[in-house]
């Protein structure tokens, strides 16, 4: 029983280490946005896209301009959103 506890504890530690590394990488990627870029809230981005907030939440993963600054958080790169709109209008 103690061996199983040690195994579980070790695996949890390894998972937490991997989680921390992935979060650090995500933060680093988010820092590489354009300096004058602004992160829009779901409400702001939905208004620009002329969609409902609910729709945007459901489709957030479909867009390359979606940014997740932390667990359970979603924002949208204004520059990325504007680029998307320009491509869609062509």
N, C-alpha and C. Protein backbone atom coordinates (compact mmCIF):
# COMPACT_ATOMS: atom_id res chain seq x y z
N UNK A 1 0.82 -1.19 0.00
CA UNK A 1 0.00 0.00 0.00
C UNK A 1 0.88 1.26 0.00
N UNK A 2 1.96 1.27 0.76
CA UNK A 2 2.86 2.42 0.77
C UNK A 2 3.55 2.59 -0.56
N UNK A 3 3.83 1.45 -1.26
CA UNK A 3 4.44 1.54 -2.59
C UNK A 3 3.49 2.24 -3.56
N UNK A 4 2.21 1.91 -3.47
CA UNK A 4 1.21 2.53 -4.35
C UNK A 4 1.09 4.03 -4.07
N UNK A 5 1.11 4.40 -2.79
CA UNK A 5 1.07 5.83 -2.43
C UNK A 5 2.27 6.56 -3.01
N UNK A 6 3.43 5.96 -2.88
CA UNK A 6 4.66 6.58 -3.40
C UNK A 6 4.57 6.74 -4.92
N UNK A 7 4.04 5.72 -5.59
CA UNK A 7 3.89 5.77 -7.05
C UNK A 7 2.93 6.89 -7.46
N UNK A 8 1.81 6.96 -6.78
CA UNK A 8 0.82 8.00 -7.09
C UNK A 8 1.40 9.38 -6.83
N UNK A 9 2.05 9.55 -5.71
CA UNK A 9 2.67 10.84 -5.38
C UNK A 9 3.70 11.23 -6.43
N UNK A 10 4.50 10.28 -6.83
CA UNK A 10 5.52 10.55 -7.85
C UNK A 10 4.89 10.95 -9.17
N UNK A 11 3.85 10.24 -9.59
CA UNK A 11 3.18 10.57 -10.85
C UNK A 11 2.52 11.94 -10.79
N UNK A 12 1.91 12.27 -9.66
CA UNK A 12 1.29 13.59 -9.51
C UNK A 12 2.37 14.68 -9.62
N UNK A 13 3.50 14.46 -8.97
CA UNK A 13 4.59 15.42 -9.06
C UNK A 13 5.07 15.62 -10.49
N UNK A 14 5.18 14.52 -11.23
CA UNK A 14 5.61 14.62 -12.63
C UNK A 14 4.58 15.38 -13.46
N UNK A 15 3.30 15.10 -13.25
CA UNK A 15 2.24 15.81 -13.97
C UNK A 15 2.22 17.29 -13.64
N UNK A 16 2.40 17.62 -12.38
CA UNK A 16 2.43 19.04 -11.99
C UNK A 16 3.62 19.75 -12.62
N UNK A 17 4.75 19.07 -12.71
CA UNK A 17 5.93 19.65 -13.36
C UNK A 17 5.67 19.91 -14.83
N UNK A 18 5.04 18.95 -15.49
CA UNK A 18 4.71 19.12 -16.91
C UNK A 18 3.69 20.23 -17.09
N UNK A 19 2.70 20.30 -16.21
CA UNK A 19 1.69 21.35 -16.26
C UNK A 19 2.34 22.73 -16.13
N UNK A 20 3.24 22.86 -15.18
CA UNK A 20 3.92 24.14 -14.97
C UNK A 20 4.74 24.52 -16.20
N UNK A 21 5.41 23.56 -16.81
CA UNK A 21 6.21 23.83 -18.00
C UNK A 21 5.32 24.28 -19.16
N UNK A 22 4.18 23.62 -19.34
CA UNK A 22 3.25 23.99 -20.41
C UNK A 22 2.65 25.37 -20.18
N UNK A 23 2.30 25.69 -18.94
CA UNK A 23 1.76 27.02 -18.65
C UNK A 23 2.81 28.10 -18.91
N UNK A 24 4.06 27.82 -18.55
CA UNK A 24 5.14 28.79 -18.82
C UNK A 24 5.31 29.00 -20.32
N UNK A 25 5.22 27.92 -21.09
CA UNK A 25 5.33 28.04 -22.55
C UNK A 25 4.17 28.85 -23.11
N UNK A 26 2.97 28.60 -22.62
CA UNK A 26 1.80 29.34 -23.08
C UNK A 26 1.93 30.82 -22.76
N UNK A 27 2.38 31.13 -21.58
CA UNK A 27 2.58 32.54 -21.20
C UNK A 27 3.62 33.18 -22.11
N UNK A 28 4.71 32.46 -22.38
CA UNK A 28 5.75 32.99 -23.27
C UNK A 28 5.20 33.24 -24.66
N UNK A 29 4.37 32.34 -25.17
CA UNK A 29 3.78 32.53 -26.49
C UNK A 29 2.86 33.76 -26.50
N UNK A 30 2.12 33.94 -25.45
CA UNK A 30 1.21 35.08 -25.36
C UNK A 30 1.98 36.39 -25.27
N UNK A 31 3.18 36.36 -24.72
CA UNK A 31 3.98 37.57 -24.60
C UNK A 31 4.55 38.01 -25.93
N UNK A 32 4.52 37.13 -26.93
CA UNK A 32 5.08 37.46 -28.24
C UNK A 32 4.06 38.12 -29.16
N UNK A 33 2.96 38.59 -28.59
CA UNK A 33 2.00 39.35 -29.37
C UNK A 33 2.62 40.68 -29.77
N UNK A 34 2.01 41.31 -30.74
CA UNK A 34 2.46 42.64 -31.14
C UNK A 34 2.37 43.57 -29.92
N UNK A 35 3.35 44.46 -29.74
CA UNK A 35 3.36 45.32 -28.56
C UNK A 35 2.11 46.19 -28.42
N UNK A 36 1.53 46.61 -29.53
CA UNK A 36 0.36 47.48 -29.44
C UNK A 36 -0.95 46.69 -29.52
N UNK A 37 -0.85 45.37 -29.46
CA UNK A 37 -2.06 44.54 -29.49
C UNK A 37 -2.78 44.68 -28.16
N UNK A 38 -4.09 44.57 -28.21
CA UNK A 38 -4.92 44.64 -27.01
C UNK A 38 -5.75 43.37 -26.96
N UNK A 39 -5.86 42.79 -25.78
CA UNK A 39 -6.70 41.61 -25.62
C UNK A 39 -8.13 42.06 -25.36
N UNK A 40 -9.02 41.55 -26.19
CA UNK A 40 -10.44 41.89 -26.06
C UNK A 40 -11.15 40.86 -25.21
N UNK A 41 -12.15 41.31 -24.48
CA UNK A 41 -13.00 40.38 -23.73
C UNK A 41 -13.92 39.66 -24.72
N UNK A 42 -14.60 38.66 -24.24
CA UNK A 42 -15.55 37.93 -25.09
C UNK A 42 -16.64 38.87 -25.58
N UNK A 43 -17.10 39.74 -24.71
CA UNK A 43 -18.16 40.68 -25.08
C UNK A 43 -17.69 41.63 -26.19
N UNK A 44 -16.45 42.16 -26.04
CA UNK A 44 -15.92 43.08 -27.05
C UNK A 44 -15.72 42.38 -28.39
N UNK A 45 -15.13 41.19 -28.35
CA UNK A 45 -14.87 40.46 -29.60
C UNK A 45 -16.17 40.04 -30.27
N UNK A 46 -17.16 39.62 -29.49
CA UNK A 46 -18.45 39.23 -30.05
C UNK A 46 -19.10 40.42 -30.77
N UNK A 47 -18.97 41.58 -30.19
CA UNK A 47 -19.53 42.78 -30.81
C UNK A 47 -18.84 43.08 -32.15
N UNK A 48 -17.53 42.97 -32.18
CA UNK A 48 -16.79 43.23 -33.41
C UNK A 48 -17.16 42.20 -34.49
N UNK A 49 -17.30 40.95 -34.09
CA UNK A 49 -17.63 39.88 -35.03
C UNK A 49 -19.11 39.81 -35.36
N UNK A 50 -19.93 40.55 -34.62
CA UNK A 50 -21.38 40.55 -34.79
C UNK A 50 -21.97 39.15 -34.56
N UNK A 51 -21.52 38.53 -33.47
CA UNK A 51 -22.04 37.23 -33.05
C UNK A 51 -22.41 37.34 -31.57
N UNK A 52 -23.10 36.35 -31.05
CA UNK A 52 -23.45 36.36 -29.64
C UNK A 52 -22.26 35.90 -28.80
N UNK A 53 -22.27 36.29 -27.55
CA UNK A 53 -21.23 35.87 -26.62
C UNK A 53 -21.21 34.34 -26.51
N UNK A 54 -22.39 33.76 -26.41
CA UNK A 54 -22.50 32.31 -26.30
C UNK A 54 -21.87 31.62 -27.51
N UNK A 55 -22.16 32.11 -28.70
CA UNK A 55 -21.60 31.53 -29.92
C UNK A 55 -20.07 31.62 -29.90
N UNK A 56 -19.56 32.76 -29.49
CA UNK A 56 -18.11 32.96 -29.48
C UNK A 56 -17.44 32.04 -28.47
N UNK A 57 -18.03 31.87 -27.30
CA UNK A 57 -17.49 30.92 -26.32
C UNK A 57 -17.41 29.52 -26.93
N UNK A 58 -18.47 29.11 -27.63
CA UNK A 58 -18.50 27.76 -28.20
C UNK A 58 -17.51 27.58 -29.34
N UNK A 59 -17.15 28.67 -30.04
CA UNK A 59 -16.27 28.57 -31.20
C UNK A 59 -14.89 29.17 -30.97
N UNK A 60 -14.57 29.54 -29.75
CA UNK A 60 -13.30 30.21 -29.46
C UNK A 60 -12.10 29.40 -29.96
N UNK A 61 -12.15 28.09 -29.82
CA UNK A 61 -11.01 27.26 -30.25
C UNK A 61 -10.84 27.21 -31.76
N UNK A 62 -11.81 27.68 -32.50
CA UNK A 62 -11.73 27.68 -33.97
C UNK A 62 -10.90 28.84 -34.50
N UNK A 63 -10.57 29.80 -33.67
CA UNK A 63 -9.89 31.00 -34.14
C UNK A 63 -8.44 31.06 -33.66
N UNK A 64 -7.55 31.45 -34.56
CA UNK A 64 -6.13 31.55 -34.21
C UNK A 64 -5.86 32.75 -33.32
N UNK A 65 -6.78 33.70 -33.25
CA UNK A 65 -6.58 34.90 -32.45
C UNK A 65 -7.09 34.75 -31.02
N UNK A 66 -7.52 33.55 -30.64
CA UNK A 66 -7.95 33.29 -29.28
C UNK A 66 -6.72 33.14 -28.39
N UNK A 67 -6.77 33.80 -27.24
CA UNK A 67 -5.67 33.75 -26.28
C UNK A 67 -6.24 33.27 -24.95
N UNK A 68 -5.56 32.34 -24.33
CA UNK A 68 -5.99 31.85 -23.02
C UNK A 68 -4.92 32.22 -21.99
N UNK A 69 -5.09 33.38 -21.34
CA UNK A 69 -4.06 33.85 -20.41
C UNK A 69 -3.94 33.03 -19.14
N UNK A 70 -4.95 32.25 -18.83
CA UNK A 70 -4.91 31.42 -17.63
C UNK A 70 -6.06 30.43 -17.67
N UNK A 71 -6.06 29.49 -16.74
CA UNK A 71 -7.14 28.50 -16.71
C UNK A 71 -8.51 29.15 -16.62
N UNK A 72 -9.40 28.75 -17.49
CA UNK A 72 -10.76 29.27 -17.48
C UNK A 72 -10.91 30.67 -18.03
N UNK A 73 -9.84 31.23 -18.59
CA UNK A 73 -9.90 32.58 -19.13
C UNK A 73 -9.77 32.53 -20.65
N UNK A 74 -10.50 33.40 -21.31
CA UNK A 74 -10.39 33.50 -22.76
C UNK A 74 -10.44 34.98 -23.15
N UNK A 75 -9.51 35.36 -24.00
CA UNK A 75 -9.46 36.71 -24.55
C UNK A 75 -9.16 36.57 -26.04
N UNK A 76 -9.21 37.68 -26.75
CA UNK A 76 -9.01 37.65 -28.19
C UNK A 76 -8.07 38.77 -28.60
N UNK A 77 -7.06 38.41 -29.38
CA UNK A 77 -6.10 39.39 -29.87
C UNK A 77 -6.82 40.33 -30.84
N UNK A 78 -6.78 41.61 -30.57
CA UNK A 78 -7.43 42.58 -31.44
C UNK A 78 -6.79 42.58 -32.83
N UNK A 79 -5.46 42.54 -32.88
CA UNK A 79 -4.78 42.51 -34.17
C UNK A 79 -5.14 41.24 -34.94
N UNK A 80 -5.14 40.10 -34.25
CA UNK A 80 -5.50 38.84 -34.89
C UNK A 80 -6.93 38.84 -35.40
N UNK A 81 -7.83 39.41 -34.62
CA UNK A 81 -9.23 39.50 -35.02
C UNK A 81 -9.37 40.39 -36.26
N UNK A 82 -8.69 41.53 -36.26
CA UNK A 82 -8.76 42.44 -37.42
C UNK A 82 -8.18 41.77 -38.66
N UNK A 83 -7.08 41.02 -38.52
CA UNK A 83 -6.51 40.27 -39.65
C UNK A 83 -7.51 39.25 -40.17
N UNK A 84 -8.18 38.58 -39.26
CA UNK A 84 -9.20 37.59 -39.64
C UNK A 84 -10.32 38.26 -40.45
N UNK A 85 -10.78 39.40 -39.99
CA UNK A 85 -11.85 40.11 -40.69
C UNK A 85 -11.40 40.55 -42.08
N UNK A 86 -10.16 41.01 -42.21
CA UNK A 86 -9.63 41.41 -43.52
C UNK A 86 -9.59 40.23 -44.47
N UNK A 87 -9.15 39.06 -43.97
CA UNK A 87 -9.09 37.86 -44.82
C UNK A 87 -10.49 37.42 -45.24
N UNK A 88 -11.44 37.51 -44.33
CA UNK A 88 -12.82 37.09 -44.61
C UNK A 88 -13.50 38.00 -45.64
N UNK A 89 -13.12 39.26 -45.69
CA UNK A 89 -13.77 40.21 -46.60
C UNK A 89 -13.29 40.07 -48.03
N UNK A 90 -12.19 39.39 -48.25
CA UNK A 90 -11.63 39.24 -49.61
C UNK A 90 -12.44 38.29 -50.44
